[in-house]
Amino acid sequence: MFKAIIIGGTGATGKHLLIQLIRNQNCELVTSIGRRPVLDGEINDKLVDIVVESLFKLTDTEKYWKDNDVFFNCIGTTRQRAGGAKEFINIESGISNEAAKMAANAKIPHASLISAKGANHKIWAKDWIHPLLYMKTIGQKEQTIISNFSFNSVSIFKPGMLIRLRGKQTWFEDFSELKGFGLRVDTLASAMIHDAERVRDGLVGKSPQYFIGNNHIKSSLEL
């Protein structure tokens, strides 16, 4: 059995991760920390849903981080949704760093992070070049959780195009899934949970682990 804590539980992947954790017989309890209730406020005996005013300061949630086995970081946004380059960096780096600090201080052994294929903290980027800024910022988020915090193990999932399953899929999402270069967010969620269970069972050696690209993530479910 294991206990999990998640940030980003209202997002495309995080929502499916939560649902799967609740349904997973090996998951004893899942805690969500976020600014909005998850699963439309649904009450479940296995779910602790903590709503906070700000994710930039999580010290008041300290007690909820204790005694967990895995920390899932599903935070993700874009510059447009965030409202600008500075806001985007603050969300991706600031919130992720604050949550990772809480998880590390609580001695959670395993951290699992959603990144992006091509993310690299060494990329040259300016605020006005969004694709490069995005890849650099996400790469910095990866590097920080690896270098600045003392987790026993870290898994980083770097998907390509994601199929978000928000109502009816577009023709392009259908085409992408058919041709195999789109990854369904529920499949990504399944891969993250499967990996966390393998880590718990001592079946994973080297850390950090990288799952790069949609095919690699899909094939990890066969391990």
Protein backbone atom coordinates (compact mmCIF):
# COMPACT_ATOMS: atom_id res chain seq x y z
CA MET A 1 0.00 0.00 0.00
CA PHE A 2 1.09 3.59 -0.57
CA LYS A 3 -0.05 7.15 0.05
CA ALA A 4 0.24 9.91 -2.54
CA ILE A 5 0.09 13.70 -2.59
CA ILE A 6 -0.49 15.71 -5.76
CA ILE A 7 -0.40 19.30 -6.97
CA GLY A 8 -2.12 20.14 -10.24
CA GLY A 9 -5.03 17.81 -9.59
CA THR A 10 -7.51 19.97 -11.53
CA GLY A 11 -5.43 19.90 -14.71
CA ALA A 12 -5.81 17.63 -17.73
CA THR A 13 -3.43 14.92 -16.53
CA GLY A 14 -3.79 15.54 -12.80
CA LYS A 15 -7.53 14.93 -12.89
CA HIS A 16 -7.03 11.49 -14.43
CA LEU A 17 -4.18 10.74 -12.06
CA LEU A 18 -6.44 11.45 -9.08
CA ILE A 19 -9.25 9.28 -10.41
CA GLN A 20 -6.87 6.39 -11.07
CA LEU A 21 -5.23 6.71 -7.65
CA ILE A 22 -8.63 6.59 -5.95
CA ARG A 23 -9.52 3.46 -7.93
CA ASN A 24 -6.11 1.85 -7.36
CA GLN A 25 -6.38 -0.89 -4.73
CA ASN A 26 -2.75 -0.34 -3.72
CA CYS A 27 -3.30 3.36 -2.97
CA GLU A 28 -4.43 3.87 0.61
CA LEU A 29 -4.91 7.64 0.51
CA VAL A 30 -4.45 10.52 -1.95
CA THR A 31 -4.10 14.15 -0.89
CA SER A 32 -4.62 17.03 -3.30
CA ILE A 33 -3.28 20.53 -2.62
CA GLY A 34 -4.77 23.17 -4.91
CA ARG A 35 -6.62 26.45 -5.32
CA ARG A 36 -9.83 24.74 -6.42
CA PRO A 37 -11.64 21.59 -5.29
CA VAL A 38 -10.82 18.54 -7.36
CA LEU A 39 -13.34 16.22 -9.03
CA ASP A 40 -16.05 18.90 -8.77
CA GLY A 41 -15.97 18.70 -4.98
CA GLU A 42 -16.81 14.99 -4.94
CA ILE A 43 -16.34 13.39 -1.52
CA ASN A 44 -14.42 10.13 -1.34
CA ASP A 45 -13.05 8.25 1.68
CA LYS A 46 -9.65 7.93 -0.01
CA LEU A 47 -9.38 11.62 -0.95
CA VAL A 48 -8.15 14.53 1.18
CA ASP A 49 -8.90 17.69 -0.80
CA ILE A 50 -7.07 20.74 0.58
CA VAL A 51 -8.00 24.09 -0.97
CA VAL A 52 -5.58 26.99 -0.38
CA GLU A 53 -5.55 30.66 -1.38
CA SER A 54 -2.05 30.50 -2.88
CA LEU A 55 0.25 27.71 -4.00
CA PHE A 56 3.29 29.95 -3.62
CA LYS A 57 3.28 29.55 0.17
CA LEU A 58 2.37 26.09 1.42
CA THR A 59 3.75 26.11 4.96
CA ASP A 60 0.23 26.03 6.40
CA THR A 61 -0.30 22.66 4.70
CA GLU A 62 2.76 21.05 6.32
CA LYS A 63 0.85 18.35 8.19
CA TYR A 64 -0.73 17.02 5.00
CA TRP A 65 2.65 16.27 3.41
CA LYS A 66 3.76 13.91 6.16
CA ASP A 67 3.62 10.12 5.83
CA ASN A 68 3.23 10.09 2.04
CA ASP A 69 5.18 7.77 -0.23
CA VAL A 70 5.06 9.68 -3.51
CA PHE A 71 4.75 13.31 -4.57
CA PHE A 72 3.15 13.88 -7.99
CA ASN A 73 3.74 17.26 -9.64
CA CYS A 74 1.19 17.80 -12.42
CA ILE A 75 1.40 21.61 -12.49
CA GLY A 76 1.41 22.93 -16.04
CA THR A 77 0.44 26.11 -17.85
CA THR A 78 1.39 28.31 -20.80
CA ARG A 79 2.46 31.94 -21.03
CA GLN A 80 -0.93 32.84 -22.51
CA ARG A 81 -2.93 31.17 -19.74
CA ALA A 82 -0.61 32.56 -17.07
CA GLY A 83 -0.90 36.13 -18.36
CA GLY A 84 2.68 36.74 -19.45
CA ALA A 85 6.25 35.44 -19.39
CA LYS A 86 6.97 36.45 -15.79
CA GLU A 87 3.74 34.91 -14.53
CA PHE A 88 4.42 31.72 -16.50
CA ILE A 89 7.89 31.35 -14.94
CA ASN A 90 6.50 32.07 -11.48
CA ILE A 91 3.88 29.35 -11.80
CA GLU A 92 6.07 26.68 -13.36
CA SER A 93 9.15 27.31 -11.22
CA GLY A 94 7.80 29.04 -8.11
CA ILE A 95 4.95 26.68 -7.33
CA SER A 96 6.93 23.58 -8.27
CA ASN A 97 9.84 24.62 -6.08
CA GLU A 98 7.60 25.39 -3.11
CA ALA A 99 5.82 22.04 -3.41
CA ALA A 100 9.09 20.14 -3.86
CA LYS A 101 10.46 21.83 -0.72
CA MET A 102 7.41 20.73 1.27
CA ALA A 103 7.70 17.17 -0.05
CA ALA A 104 11.43 16.97 0.65
CA ASN A 105 11.04 18.40 4.16
CA ALA A 106 8.38 15.77 4.84
CA LYS A 107 10.88 13.13 3.66
CA ILE A 108 8.63 11.80 0.92
CA PRO A 109 10.92 9.27 -0.79
CA HIS A 110 9.75 9.52 -4.40
CA ALA A 111 8.92 12.49 -6.64
CA SER A 112 7.21 12.18 -10.02
CA LEU A 113 7.16 15.18 -12.36
CA ILE A 114 5.50 16.00 -15.68
CA SER A 115 7.87 17.88 -17.97
CA ALA A 116 7.95 18.05 -21.77
CA LYS A 117 9.92 16.45 -24.57
CA GLY A 118 12.69 18.85 -25.55
CA ALA A 119 12.78 20.66 -22.20
CA ASN A 120 16.33 21.77 -21.42
CA HIS A 121 17.48 24.24 -18.78
CA LYS A 122 20.53 25.13 -20.89
CA ILE A 123 18.54 26.45 -23.86
CA TRP A 124 19.11 30.11 -24.75
CA ALA A 125 15.76 31.86 -24.48
CA LYS A 126 14.22 35.32 -24.34
CA ASP A 127 10.84 36.18 -22.82
CA TRP A 128 9.33 37.03 -26.19
CA ILE A 129 10.26 33.69 -27.81
CA HIS A 130 7.65 31.52 -26.13
CA PRO A 131 8.59 28.03 -27.46
CA LEU A 132 12.19 28.46 -26.26
CA LEU A 133 11.13 30.13 -23.00
CA TYR A 134 8.72 27.25 -22.37
CA MET A 135 11.38 24.58 -22.93
CA LYS A 136 13.95 26.41 -20.82
CA THR A 137 11.57 27.03 -17.91
CA ILE A 138 10.33 23.43 -17.85
CA GLY A 139 13.95 22.28 -18.04
CA GLN A 140 14.79 24.46 -15.05
CA LYS A 141 11.90 22.89 -13.16
CA GLU A 142 13.39 19.45 -13.85
CA GLN A 143 16.88 20.50 -12.84
CA THR A 144 15.71 22.08 -9.60
CA ILE A 145 13.89 19.00 -8.34
CA ILE A 146 16.93 16.86 -9.17
CA SER A 147 19.65 19.14 -7.78
CA ASN A 148 18.07 21.07 -4.91
CA PHE A 149 16.11 18.41 -3.05
CA SER A 150 17.03 15.10 -1.45
CA PHE A 151 14.46 12.64 -2.77
CA ASN A 152 15.45 8.97 -2.78
CA SER A 153 14.21 8.74 -6.36
CA VAL A 154 12.87 11.07 -9.02
CA SER A 155 10.96 10.18 -12.19
CA ILE A 156 10.55 12.74 -14.96
CA PHE A 157 7.97 12.23 -17.69
CA LYS A 158 8.67 14.16 -20.89
CA PRO A 159 5.71 13.63 -23.24
CA GLY A 160 5.28 15.06 -26.70
CA MET A 161 1.82 16.04 -27.87
CA LEU A 162 -0.90 15.26 -25.33
CA ILE A 163 -4.51 14.36 -26.07
CA ARG A 164 -6.39 16.07 -23.26
CA LEU A 165 -9.77 14.24 -23.40
CA ARG A 166 -11.84 17.34 -22.67
CA GLY A 167 -15.21 16.34 -24.07
CA LYS A 168 -15.32 15.51 -27.76
CA GLN A 169 -11.89 15.18 -29.35
CA THR A 170 -10.96 17.30 -32.35
CA TRP A 171 -10.22 15.63 -35.68
CA PHE A 172 -6.54 16.41 -35.14
CA GLU A 173 -6.54 14.69 -31.74
CA ASP A 174 -8.27 11.66 -33.29
CA PHE A 175 -5.72 11.62 -36.11
CA SER A 176 -2.80 12.03 -33.69
CA GLU A 177 -4.00 9.16 -31.52
CA LEU A 178 -4.58 6.96 -34.58
CA LYS A 179 -1.08 7.62 -35.93
CA GLY A 180 0.51 7.10 -32.54
CA PHE A 181 2.16 10.48 -32.02
CA GLY A 182 -0.39 11.75 -29.54
CA LEU A 183 -0.46 10.51 -25.94
CA ARG A 184 -3.72 10.37 -24.02
CA VAL A 185 -3.47 12.08 -20.63
CA ASP A 186 -5.04 9.06 -18.92
CA THR A 187 -2.25 6.90 -20.36
CA LEU A 188 0.34 9.34 -18.99
CA ALA A 189 -1.36 9.15 -15.59
CA SER A 190 -1.31 5.35 -15.70
CA ALA A 191 2.41 5.36 -16.54
CA MET A 192 3.19 7.65 -13.61
CA ILE A 193 1.32 5.43 -11.16
CA HIS A 194 2.84 2.24 -12.60
CA ASP A 195 6.31 3.73 -12.23
CA ALA A 196 5.62 4.84 -8.63
CA GLU A 197 4.54 1.31 -7.74
CA ARG A 198 7.70 -0.13 -9.31
CA VAL A 199 9.79 2.33 -7.30
CA ARG A 200 7.95 1.33 -4.12
CA ASP A 201 8.61 -2.35 -4.86
CA GLY A 202 12.34 -1.74 -5.35
CA LEU A 203 12.27 -2.58 -9.06
CA VAL A 204 13.93 0.66 -10.16
CA GLY A 205 17.62 1.36 -9.65
CA LYS A 206 19.04 4.47 -11.27
CA SER A 207 17.66 7.89 -10.35
CA PRO A 208 16.61 10.21 -11.84
CA GLN A 209 14.61 8.21 -14.34
CA TYR A 210 13.63 9.88 -17.59
CA PHE A 211 10.71 8.79 -19.76
CA ILE A 212 11.29 10.72 -22.96
CA GLY A 213 8.65 10.84 -25.69
CA ASN A 214 5.24 9.29 -26.00
CA ASN A 215 6.41 5.87 -27.18
CA HIS A 216 8.78 5.51 -24.24
CA ILE A 217 6.02 6.46 -21.81
CA LYS A 218 3.59 3.98 -23.37
CA SER A 219 6.14 1.15 -23.36
CA SER A 220 6.96 1.78 -19.68
CA LEU A 221 3.54 0.33 -18.84
CA GLU A 222 4.81 -3.04 -20.05
CA LEU A 223 7.65 -3.18 -17.51
